[in-house]
Amino acid sequence: DEAGEFLLASDAVAVEANLREGYAPKNSWDLEKAANAVLEVRKIEER
């Protein structure tokens, strides 16, 4: 109600640098899908 929306990203975006620079960590099961997930999370942040 007061603080607004939060996305609990867990390891979809492990550290902020992943989101700002648009890459996935090396310990990803599927690097391409993980990078796409980072981009989708960025859209949620933009909202």
All heavy atoms as atom14 arrays in JSON, in Angstrom:
{
  "sequence": "DEAGEFLLASDAVAVEANLREGYAPKNSWDLEKAANAVLEVRKIEER",
  "atom14_mask": [
    [1, 1, 1, 1, 1, 1, 1, 1, 0, 0, 0, 0, 0, 0],
    [1, 1, 1, 1, 1, 1, 1, 1, 1, 0, 0, 0, 0, 0],
    [1, 1, 1, 1, 1, 0, 0, 0, 0, 0, 0, 0, 0, 0],
    [1, 1, 1, 1, 0, 0, 0, 0, 0, 0, 0, 0, 0, 0],
    [1, 1, 1, 1, 1, 1, 1, 1, 1, 0, 0, 0, 0, 0],
    [1, 1, 1, 1, 1, 1, 1, 1, 1, 1, 1, 0, 0, 0],
    [1, 1, 1, 1, 1, 1, 1, 1, 0, 0, 0, 0, 0, 0],
    [1, 1, 1, 1, 1, 1, 1, 1, 0, 0, 0, 0, 0, 0],
    [1, 1, 1, 1, 1, 0, 0, 0, 0, 0, 0, 0, 0, 0],
    [1, 1, 1, 1, 1, 1, 0, 0, 0, 0, 0, 0, 0, 0],
    [1, 1, 1, 1, 1, 1, 1, 1, 0, 0, 0, 0, 0, 0],
    [1, 1, 1, 1, 1, 0, 0, 0, 0, 0, 0, 0, 0, 0],
    [1, 1, 1, 1, 1, 1, 1, 0, 0, 0, 0, 0, 0, 0],
    [1, 1, 1, 1, 1, 0, 0, 0, 0, 0, 0, 0, 0, 0],
    [1, 1, 1, 1, 1, 1, 1, 0, 0, 0, 0, 0, 0, 0],
    [1, 1, 1, 1, 1, 1, 1, 1, 1, 0, 0, 0, 0, 0],
    [1, 1, 1, 1, 1, 0, 0, 0, 0, 0, 0, 0, 0, 0],
    [1, 1, 1, 1, 1, 1, 1, 1, 0, 0, 0, 0, 0, 0],
    [1, 1, 1, 1, 1, 1, 1, 1, 0, 0, 0, 0, 0, 0],
    [1, 1, 1, 1, 1, 1, 1, 1, 1, 1, 1, 0, 0, 0],
    [1, 1, 1, 1, 1, 1, 1, 1, 1, 0, 0, 0, 0, 0],
    [1, 1, 1, 1, 0, 0, 0, 0, 0, 0, 0, 0, 0, 0],
    [1, 1, 1, 1, 1, 1, 1, 1, 1, 1, 1, 1, 0, 0],
    [1, 1, 1, 1, 1, 0, 0, 0, 0, 0, 0, 0, 0, 0],
    [1, 1, 1, 1, 1, 1, 1, 0, 0, 0, 0, 0, 0, 0],
    [1, 1, 1, 1, 1, 1, 1, 1, 1, 0, 0, 0, 0, 0],
    [1, 1, 1, 1, 1, 1, 1, 1, 0, 0, 0, 0, 0, 0],
    [1, 1, 1, 1, 1, 1, 0, 0, 0, 0, 0, 0, 0, 0],
    [1, 1, 1, 1, 1, 1, 1, 1, 1, 1, 1, 1, 1, 1],
    [1, 1, 1, 1, 1, 1, 1, 1, 0, 0, 0, 0, 0, 0],
    [1, 1, 1, 1, 1, 1, 1, 1, 0, 0, 0, 0, 0, 0],
    [1, 1, 1, 1, 1, 1, 1, 1, 1, 0, 0, 0, 0, 0],
    [1, 1, 1, 1, 1, 1, 1, 1, 1, 0, 0, 0, 0, 0],
    [1, 1, 1, 1, 1, 0, 0, 0, 0, 0, 0, 0, 0, 0],
    [1, 1, 1, 1, 1, 0, 0, 0, 0, 0, 0, 0, 0, 0],
    [1, 1, 1, 1, 1, 1, 1, 1, 0, 0, 0, 0, 0, 0],
    [1, 1, 1, 1, 1, 0, 0, 0, 0, 0, 0, 0, 0, 0],
    [1, 1, 1, 1, 1, 1, 1, 0, 0, 0, 0, 0, 0, 0],
    [1, 1, 1, 1, 1, 1, 1, 1, 0, 0, 0, 0, 0, 0],
    [1, 1, 1, 1, 1, 1, 1, 1, 1, 0, 0, 0, 0, 0],
    [1, 1, 1, 1, 1, 1, 1, 0, 0, 0, 0, 0, 0, 0],
    [1, 1, 1, 1, 1, 1, 1, 1, 1, 1, 1, 0, 0, 0],
    [1, 1, 1, 1, 1, 1, 1, 1, 1, 0, 0, 0, 0, 0],
    [1, 1, 1, 1, 1, 1, 1, 1, 0, 0, 0, 0, 0, 0],
    [1, 1, 1, 1, 1, 1, 1, 1, 1, 0, 0, 0, 0, 0],
    [1, 1, 1, 1, 1, 1, 1, 1, 1, 0, 0, 0, 0, 0],
    [1, 1, 1, 1, 1, 1, 1, 1, 1, 1, 1, 0, 0, 0]
  ],
  "atom14_positions": [
    [[0.81, -1.22, 0.0], [0.0, 0.0, 0.0], [0.84, 1.27, 0.0], [0.55, 2.22, -0.73], [-0.92, 0.0, 1.23], [-2.04, -1.03, 1.12], [-2.44, -1.36, -0.02], [-2.49, -1.52, 2.17], [0.0, 0.0, 0.0], [0.0, 0.0, 0.0], [0.0, 0.0, 0.0], [0.0, 0.0, 0.0], [0.0, 0.0, 0.0], [0.0, 0.0, 0.0]],
    [[1.86, 1.31, 0.83], [2.65, 2.54, 0.99], [3.93, 2.52, 0.14], [4.27, 3.5, -0.5], [3.0, 2.75, 2.46], [1.79, 2.98, 3.35], [2.17, 3.16, 4.81], [3.39, 3.26, 5.12], [1.26, 3.19, 5.66], [0.0, 0.0, 0.0], [0.0, 0.0, 0.0], [0.0, 0.0, 0.0], [0.0, 0.0, 0.0], [0.0, 0.0, 0.0]],
    [[4.63, 1.42, 0.14], [5.95, 1.36, -0.51], [5.87, 1.07, -2.0], [6.86, 1.23, -2.71], [6.82, 0.32, 0.18], [0.0, 0.0, 0.0], [0.0, 0.0, 0.0], [0.0, 0.0, 0.0], [0.0, 0.0, 0.0], [0.0, 0.0, 0.0], [0.0, 0.0, 0.0], [0.0, 0.0, 0.0], [0.0, 0.0, 0.0], [0.0, 0.0, 0.0]],
    [[4.71, 0.65, -2.5], [4.55, 0.39, -3.92], [4.92, -1.03, -4.3], [4.87, -1.95, -3.48], [0.0, 0.0, 0.0], [0.0, 0.0, 0.0], [0.0, 0.0, 0.0], [0.0, 0.0, 0.0], [0.0, 0.0, 0.0], [0.0, 0.0, 0.0], [0.0, 0.0, 0.0], [0.0, 0.0, 0.0], [0.0, 0.0, 0.0], [0.0, 0.0, 0.0]],
    [[5.33, -1.22, -5.56], [5.62, -2.55, -6.07], [7.1, -2.92, -5.93], [7.98, -2.09, -6.17], [5.22, -2.66, -7.54], [3.72, -2.76, -7.77], [3.39, -3.16, -9.19], [4.1, -2.72, -10.11], [2.39, -3.89, -9.39], [0.0, 0.0, 0.0], [0.0, 0.0, 0.0], [0.0, 0.0, 0.0], [0.0, 0.0, 0.0], [0.0, 0.0, 0.0]],
    [[7.32, -4.17, -5.59], [8.67, -4.74, -5.53], [8.66, -6.03, -6.34], [7.73, -6.83, -6.23], [9.05, -5.09, -4.09], [9.3, -3.91, -3.2], [8.24, -3.15, -2.71], [10.6, -3.56, -2.82], [8.47, -2.06, -1.87], [10.83, -2.48, -1.99], [9.76, -1.73, -1.51], [0.0, 0.0, 0.0], [0.0, 0.0, 0.0], [0.0, 0.0, 0.0]],
    [[9.7, -6.24, -7.11], [9.89, -7.54, -7.76], [11.0, -8.27, -7.04], [12.15, -7.82, -7.02], [10.25, -7.4, -9.24], [10.37, -8.76, -9.95], [8.99, -9.35, -10.22], [11.17, -8.65, -11.23], [0.0, 0.0, 0.0], [0.0, 0.0, 0.0], [0.0, 0.0, 0.0], [0.0, 0.0, 0.0], [0.0, 0.0, 0.0], [0.0, 0.0, 0.0]],
    [[10.65, -9.38, -6.41], [11.65, -10.24, -5.77], [12.26, -11.09, -6.87], [11.69, -12.1, -7.29], [10.98, -11.1, -4.7], [10.1, -10.34, -3.68], [9.49, -11.32, -2.68], [10.88, -9.25, -2.97], [0.0, 0.0, 0.0], [0.0, 0.0, 0.0], [0.0, 0.0, 0.0], [0.0, 0.0, 0.0], [0.0, 0.0, 0.0], [0.0, 0.0, 0.0]],
    [[13.42, -10.68, -7.35], [13.98, -11.26, -8.57], [14.75, -12.55, -8.33], [14.95, -13.33, -9.26], [14.9, -10.25, -9.26], [0.0, 0.0, 0.0], [0.0, 0.0, 0.0], [0.0, 0.0, 0.0], [0.0, 0.0, 0.0], [0.0, 0.0, 0.0], [0.0, 0.0, 0.0], [0.0, 0.0, 0.0], [0.0, 0.0, 0.0], [0.0, 0.0, 0.0]],
    [[15.2, -12.78, -7.1], [16.03, -13.95, -6.82], [17.16, -14.01, -7.85], [17.71, -12.98, -8.24], [15.18, -15.22, -6.79], [15.96, -16.35, -6.44], [0.0, 0.0, 0.0], [0.0, 0.0, 0.0], [0.0, 0.0, 0.0], [0.0, 0.0, 0.0], [0.0, 0.0, 0.0], [0.0, 0.0, 0.0], [0.0, 0.0, 0.0], [0.0, 0.0, 0.0]],
    [[17.46, -15.19, -8.37], [18.58, -15.31, -9.29], [18.21, -15.05, -10.74], [19.06, -15.24, -11.63], [19.23, -16.69, -9.15], [20.11, -16.78, -7.91], [20.22, -15.76, -7.2], [20.68, -17.85, -7.66], [0.0, 0.0, 0.0], [0.0, 0.0, 0.0], [0.0, 0.0, 0.0], [0.0, 0.0, 0.0], [0.0, 0.0, 0.0], [0.0, 0.0, 0.0]],
    [[16.99, -14.61, -11.0], [16.69, -14.1, -12.35], [17.54, -12.88, -12.63], [17.95, -12.63, -13.77], [15.21, -13.76, -12.48], [0.0, 0.0, 0.0], [0.0, 0.0, 0.0], [0.0, 0.0, 0.0], [0.0, 0.0, 0.0], [0.0, 0.0, 0.0], [0.0, 0.0, 0.0], [0.0, 0.0, 0.0], [0.0, 0.0, 0.0], [0.0, 0.0, 0.0]],
    [[17.81, -12.09, -11.57], [18.77, -10.98, -11.64], [19.52, -10.99, -10.31], [19.06, -10.44, -9.32], [18.1, -9.62, -11.87], [19.16, -8.54, -12.08], [17.15, -9.64, -13.06], [0.0, 0.0, 0.0], [0.0, 0.0, 0.0], [0.0, 0.0, 0.0], [0.0, 0.0, 0.0], [0.0, 0.0, 0.0], [0.0, 0.0, 0.0], [0.0, 0.0, 0.0]],
    [[20.67, -11.61, -10.31], [21.38, -11.85, -9.05], [22.01, -10.59, -8.46], [21.98, -10.38, -7.25], [22.46, -12.92, -9.26], [0.0, 0.0, 0.0], [0.0, 0.0, 0.0], [0.0, 0.0, 0.0], [0.0, 0.0, 0.0], [0.0, 0.0, 0.0], [0.0, 0.0, 0.0], [0.0, 0.0, 0.0], [0.0, 0.0, 0.0], [0.0, 0.0, 0.0]],
    [[22.6, -9.75, -9.32], [23.24, -8.52, -8.85], [22.82, -7.37, -9.78], [22.43, -7.59, -10.93], [24.78, -8.64, -8.82], [25.21, -9.7, -7.81], [25.34, -8.97, -10.19], [0.0, 0.0, 0.0], [0.0, 0.0, 0.0], [0.0, 0.0, 0.0], [0.0, 0.0, 0.0], [0.0, 0.0, 0.0], [0.0, 0.0, 0.0], [0.0, 0.0, 0.0]],
    [[22.9, -6.17, -9.26], [22.42, -5.01, -10.02], [23.13, -4.85, -11.36], [22.53, -4.42, -12.36], [22.55, -3.73, -9.19], [21.93, -2.53, -9.88], [21.89, -1.29, -8.99], [22.47, -1.32, -7.88], [21.27, -0.3, -9.42], [0.0, 0.0, 0.0], [0.0, 0.0, 0.0], [0.0, 0.0, 0.0], [0.0, 0.0, 0.0], [0.0, 0.0, 0.0]],
    [[24.42, -5.19, -11.41], [25.17, -5.04, -12.66], [24.54, -5.84, -13.79], [24.59, -5.43, -14.95], [26.62, -5.46, -12.45], [0.0, 0.0, 0.0], [0.0, 0.0, 0.0], [0.0, 0.0, 0.0], [0.0, 0.0, 0.0], [0.0, 0.0, 0.0], [0.0, 0.0, 0.0], [0.0, 0.0, 0.0], [0.0, 0.0, 0.0], [0.0, 0.0, 0.0]],
    [[23.93, -6.98, -13.47], [23.25, -7.77, -14.5], [22.16, -6.93, -15.16], [22.0, -6.95, -16.39], [22.59, -9.02, -13.91], [23.56, -9.99, -13.28], [23.17, -10.8, -12.45], [24.84, -9.93, -13.64], [0.0, 0.0, 0.0], [0.0, 0.0, 0.0], [0.0, 0.0, 0.0], [0.0, 0.0, 0.0], [0.0, 0.0, 0.0], [0.0, 0.0, 0.0]],
    [[21.4, -6.21, -14.35], [20.29, -5.42, -14.87], [20.77, -4.2, -15.63], [20.28, -3.88, -16.72], [19.39, -4.99, -13.71], [18.05, -4.37, -14.1], [17.15, -5.4, -14.78], [17.34, -3.79, -12.88], [0.0, 0.0, 0.0], [0.0, 0.0, 0.0], [0.0, 0.0, 0.0], [0.0, 0.0, 0.0], [0.0, 0.0, 0.0], [0.0, 0.0, 0.0]],
    [[21.76, -3.5, -15.08], [22.22, -2.26, -15.7], [22.96, -2.53, -17.02], [22.84, -1.77, -17.97], [23.14, -1.51, -14.74], [22.49, -1.15, -13.43], [21.35, -0.15, -13.57], [20.53, -0.13, -12.36], [19.24, -0.36, -12.32], [18.59, -0.63, -13.45], [18.57, -0.35, -11.19], [0.0, 0.0, 0.0], [0.0, 0.0, 0.0], [0.0, 0.0, 0.0]],
    [[23.71, -3.64, -17.05], [24.54, -3.92, -18.23], [23.93, -4.97, -19.15], [24.46, -5.24, -20.22], [25.94, -4.32, -17.77], [26.63, -3.22, -16.96], [27.97, -3.65, -16.4], [28.62, -4.53, -17.0], [28.36, -3.11, -15.34], [0.0, 0.0, 0.0], [0.0, 0.0, 0.0], [0.0, 0.0, 0.0], [0.0, 0.0, 0.0], [0.0, 0.0, 0.0]],
    [[22.83, -5.59, -18.72], [22.07, -6.48, -19.58], [22.71, -7.81, -19.9], [22.58, -8.31, -21.02], [0.0, 0.0, 0.0], [0.0, 0.0, 0.0], [0.0, 0.0, 0.0], [0.0, 0.0, 0.0], [0.0, 0.0, 0.0], [0.0, 0.0, 0.0], [0.0, 0.0, 0.0], [0.0, 0.0, 0.0], [0.0, 0.0, 0.0], [0.0, 0.0, 0.0]],
    [[23.36, -8.42, -18.93], [23.96, -9.74, -19.17], [23.55, -10.7, -18.05], [23.12, -10.29, -16.98], [25.48, -9.65, -19.25], [26.15, -9.27, -17.94], [26.53, -10.24, -17.02], [26.41, -7.93, -17.62], [27.13, -9.9, -15.83], [27.01, -7.58, -16.43], [27.36, -8.58, -15.53], [27.96, -8.23, -14.33], [0.0, 0.0, 0.0], [0.0, 0.0, 0.0]],
    [[23.69, -11.98, -18.34], [23.38, -13.02, -17.36], [24.66, -13.58, -16.76], [25.7, -13.65, -17.42], [22.59, -14.15, -18.01], [0.0, 0.0, 0.0], [0.0, 0.0, 0.0], [0.0, 0.0, 0.0], [0.0, 0.0, 0.0], [0.0, 0.0, 0.0], [0.0, 0.0, 0.0], [0.0, 0.0, 0.0], [0.0, 0.0, 0.0], [0.0, 0.0, 0.0]],
    [[24.65, -14.01, -15.5], [25.83, -14.61, -14.88], [26.22, -15.93, -15.55], [25.41, -16.57, -16.22], [25.38, -14.85, -13.43], [24.24, -13.93, -13.22], [23.55, -13.84, -14.54], [0.0, 0.0, 0.0], [0.0, 0.0, 0.0], [0.0, 0.0, 0.0], [0.0, 0.0, 0.0], [0.0, 0.0, 0.0], [0.0, 0.0, 0.0], [0.0, 0.0, 0.0]],
    [[27.46, -16.34, -15.3], [27.96, -17.57, -15.91], [27.25, -18.82, -15.38], [27.23, -19.85, -16.05], [29.46, -17.7, -15.64], [30.32, -16.69, -16.4], [31.79, -16.9, -16.1], [32.66, -15.91, -16.85], [34.1, -16.09, -16.53], [0.0, 0.0, 0.0], [0.0, 0.0, 0.0], [0.0, 0.0, 0.0], [0.0, 0.0, 0.0], [0.0, 0.0, 0.0]],
    [[26.69, -18.75, -14.19], [26.06, -19.94, -13.6], [24.6, -20.08, -14.02], [23.77, -20.56, -13.25], [26.19, -19.93, -12.07], [25.52, -18.73, -11.42], [25.1, -17.79, -12.1], [25.43, -18.75, -10.11], [0.0, 0.0, 0.0], [0.0, 0.0, 0.0], [0.0, 0.0, 0.0], [0.0, 0.0, 0.0], [0.0, 0.0, 0.0], [0.0, 0.0, 0.0]],
    [[24.29, -19.68, -15.24], [22.93, -19.79, -15.77], [22.76, -21.12, -16.49], [23.64, -21.57, -17.24], [22.64, -18.64, -16.74], [22.74, -17.39, -16.1], [0.0, 0.0, 0.0], [0.0, 0.0, 0.0], [0.0, 0.0, 0.0], [0.0, 0.0, 0.0], [0.0, 0.0, 0.0], [0.0, 0.0, 0.0], [0.0, 0.0, 0.0], [0.0, 0.0, 0.0]],
    [[21.61, -21.74, -16.32], [21.28, -22.98, -17.05], [21.21, -22.74, -18.54], [21.71, -23.51, -19.34], [19.95, -23.5, -16.51], [19.21, -24.46, -17.4], [19.56, -25.75, -17.66], [18.0, -24.19, -18.12], [18.64, -26.32, -18.51], [17.67, -25.39, -18.81], [17.17, -23.09, -18.25], [16.53, -25.49, -19.61], [16.04, -23.17, -19.03], [15.74, -24.36, -19.72]],
    [[20.61, -21.61, -18.96], [20.49, -21.24, -20.38], [20.81, -19.75, -20.48], [19.99, -18.91, -20.09], [19.08, -21.54, -20.88], [18.92, -21.31, -22.37], [19.32, -20.24, -22.86], [18.36, -22.19, -23.06], [0.0, 0.0, 0.0], [0.0, 0.0, 0.0], [0.0, 0.0, 0.0], [0.0, 0.0, 0.0], [0.0, 0.0, 0.0], [0.0, 0.0, 0.0]],
    [[22.0, -19.42, -20.99], [22.45, -18.03, -20.99], [21.54, -17.13, -21.82], [21.28, -15.98, -21.44], [23.88, -17.95, -21.51], [24.98, -18.27, -20.49], [26.32, -18.41, -21.19], [25.04, -17.19, -19.41], [0.0, 0.0, 0.0], [0.0, 0.0, 0.0], [0.0, 0.0, 0.0], [0.0, 0.0, 0.0], [0.0, 0.0, 0.0], [0.0, 0.0, 0.0]],
    [[21.04, -17.62, -22.94], [20.17, -16.79, -23.78], [18.85, -16.49, -23.07], [18.4, -15.33, -23.04], [19.9, -17.49, -25.11], [19.05, -16.64, -26.06], [18.83, -17.31, -27.41], [19.42, -18.38, -27.65], [18.06, -16.76, -28.22], [0.0, 0.0, 0.0], [0.0, 0.0, 0.0], [0.0, 0.0, 0.0], [0.0, 0.0, 0.0], [0.0, 0.0, 0.0]],
    [[18.24, -17.51, -22.49], [16.99, -17.28, -21.77], [17.22, -16.41, -20.54], [16.38, -15.56, -20.2], [16.36, -18.61, -21.37], [15.8, -19.4, -22.53], [15.16, -20.7, -22.07], [14.57, -21.45, -23.26], [13.95, -22.74, -22.85], [0.0, 0.0, 0.0], [0.0, 0.0, 0.0], [0.0, 0.0, 0.0], [0.0, 0.0, 0.0], [0.0, 0.0, 0.0]],
    [[18.34, -16.61, -19.87], [18.65, -15.79, -18.69], [18.83, -14.33, -19.07], [18.38, -13.42, -18.34], [19.89, -16.33, -17.99], [0.0, 0.0, 0.0], [0.0, 0.0, 0.0], [0.0, 0.0, 0.0], [0.0, 0.0, 0.0], [0.0, 0.0, 0.0], [0.0, 0.0, 0.0], [0.0, 0.0, 0.0], [0.0, 0.0, 0.0], [0.0, 0.0, 0.0]],
    [[19.48, -14.07, -20.19], [19.65, -12.68, -20.66], [18.3, -12.07, -21.03], [18.05, -10.89, -20.74], [20.6, -12.65, -21.84], [0.0, 0.0, 0.0], [0.0, 0.0, 0.0], [0.0, 0.0, 0.0], [0.0, 0.0, 0.0], [0.0, 0.0, 0.0], [0.0, 0.0, 0.0], [0.0, 0.0, 0.0], [0.0, 0.0, 0.0], [0.0, 0.0, 0.0]],
    [[17.43, -12.86, -21.64], [16.08, -12.37, -21.96], [15.3, -12.06, -20.69], [14.55, -11.07, -20.64], [15.33, -13.41, -22.79], [15.83, -13.49, -24.22], [16.42, -12.56, -24.75], [15.59, -14.63, -24.86], [0.0, 0.0, 0.0], [0.0, 0.0, 0.0], [0.0, 0.0, 0.0], [0.0, 0.0, 0.0], [0.0, 0.0, 0.0], [0.0, 0.0, 0.0]],
    [[15.48, -12.88, -19.66], [14.82, -12.63, -18.39], [15.26, -11.3, -17.79], [14.44, -10.53, -17.26], [15.11, -13.77, -17.41], [0.0, 0.0, 0.0], [0.0, 0.0, 0.0], [0.0, 0.0, 0.0], [0.0, 0.0, 0.0], [0.0, 0.0, 0.0], [0.0, 0.0, 0.0], [0.0, 0.0, 0.0], [0.0, 0.0, 0.0], [0.0, 0.0, 0.0]],
    [[16.54, -11.0, -17.9], [17.05, -9.72, -17.4], [16.36, -8.56, -18.11], [15.96, -7.57, -17.48], [18.58, -9.64, -17.58], [19.09, -8.23, -17.3], [19.29, -10.65, -16.66], [0.0, 0.0, 0.0], [0.0, 0.0, 0.0], [0.0, 0.0, 0.0], [0.0, 0.0, 0.0], [0.0, 0.0, 0.0], [0.0, 0.0, 0.0], [0.0, 0.0, 0.0]],
    [[16.19, -8.67, -19.42], [15.53, -7.61, -20.18], [14.07, -7.46, -19.77], [13.54, -6.34, -19.7], [15.63, -7.91, -21.68], [17.05, -7.91, -22.26], [17.01, -8.25, -23.74], [17.74, -6.58, -22.04], [0.0, 0.0, 0.0], [0.0, 0.0, 0.0], [0.0, 0.0, 0.0], [0.0, 0.0, 0.0], [0.0, 0.0, 0.0], [0.0, 0.0, 0.0]],
    [[13.39, -8.58, -19.49], [11.99, -8.51, -19.06], [11.87, -7.89, -17.66], [10.94, -7.13, -17.39], [11.37, -9.91, -19.07], [11.2, -10.49, -20.47], [10.31, -9.62, -21.35], [9.25, -9.19, -20.89], [10.71, -9.35, -22.51], [0.0, 0.0, 0.0], [0.0, 0.0, 0.0], [0.0, 0.0, 0.0], [0.0, 0.0, 0.0], [0.0, 0.0, 0.0]],
    [[12.82, -8.2, -16.8], [12.82, -7.58, -15.47], [13.05, -6.08, -15.59], [12.43, -5.28, -14.87], [13.88, -8.24, -14.57], [14.07, -7.44, -13.28], [13.49, -9.68, -14.26], [0.0, 0.0, 0.0], [0.0, 0.0, 0.0], [0.0, 0.0, 0.0], [0.0, 0.0, 0.0], [0.0, 0.0, 0.0], [0.0, 0.0, 0.0], [0.0, 0.0, 0.0]],
    [[13.88, -5.68, -16.52], [14.12, -4.24, -16.73], [12.82, -3.53, -17.1], [12.57, -2.4, -16.66], [15.17, -4.04, -17.81], [15.57, -2.58, -18.01], [16.6, -2.46, -19.12], [17.88, -3.06, -18.76], [18.86, -3.25, -19.63], [18.7, -2.93, -20.91], [20.0, -3.77, -19.23], [0.0, 0.0, 0.0], [0.0, 0.0, 0.0], [0.0, 0.0, 0.0]],
    [[11.97, -4.18, -17.89], [10.68, -3.59, -18.26], [9.79, -3.38, -17.03], [9.08, -2.38, -16.93], [9.97, -4.47, -19.28], [10.65, -4.55, -20.64], [9.92, -5.51, -21.56], [10.64, -5.67, -22.89], [9.96, -6.65, -23.78], [0.0, 0.0, 0.0], [0.0, 0.0, 0.0], [0.0, 0.0, 0.0], [0.0, 0.0, 0.0], [0.0, 0.0, 0.0]],
    [[9.85, -4.33, -16.12], [9.07, -4.2, -14.89], [9.59, -3.04, -14.05], [8.82, -2.27, -13.48], [9.1, -5.53, -14.1], [8.37, -6.62, -14.89], [8.49, -5.36, -12.71], [8.46, -7.99, -14.28], [0.0, 0.0, 0.0], [0.0, 0.0, 0.0], [0.0, 0.0, 0.0], [0.0, 0.0, 0.0], [0.0, 0.0, 0.0], [0.0, 0.0, 0.0]],
    [[10.9, -2.88, -14.01], [11.48, -1.74, -13.3], [11.05, -0.43, -13.94], [10.72, 0.55, -13.24], [13.01, -1.84, -13.28], [13.66, -0.7, -12.5], [15.16, -0.71, -12.59], [15.68, -0.85, -13.72], [15.83, -0.57, -11.55], [0.0, 0.0, 0.0], [0.0, 0.0, 0.0], [0.0, 0.0, 0.0], [0.0, 0.0, 0.0], [0.0, 0.0, 0.0]],
    [[11.01, -0.39, -15.25], [10.63, 0.83, -15.96], [9.18, 1.22, -15.68], [8.81, 2.4, -15.82], [10.87, 0.66, -17.46], [12.35, 0.63, -17.83], [12.6, 0.22, -19.27], [11.63, -0.2, -19.95], [13.77, 0.28, -19.71], [0.0, 0.0, 0.0], [0.0, 0.0, 0.0], [0.0, 0.0, 0.0], [0.0, 0.0, 0.0], [0.0, 0.0, 0.0]],
    [[8.37, 0.25, -15.28], [6.98, 0.55, -14.92], [6.85, 1.03, -13.48], [5.75, 1.32, -13.01], [6.1, -0.7, -15.13], [6.05, -1.19, -16.57], [4.82, -2.05, -16.82], [4.79, -3.23, -15.98], [5.23, -4.43, -16.37], [5.78, -4.58, -17.58], [5.15, -5.46, -15.56], [0.0, 0.0, 0.0], [0.0, 0.0, 0.0], [0.0, 0.0, 0.0]]
  ]
}
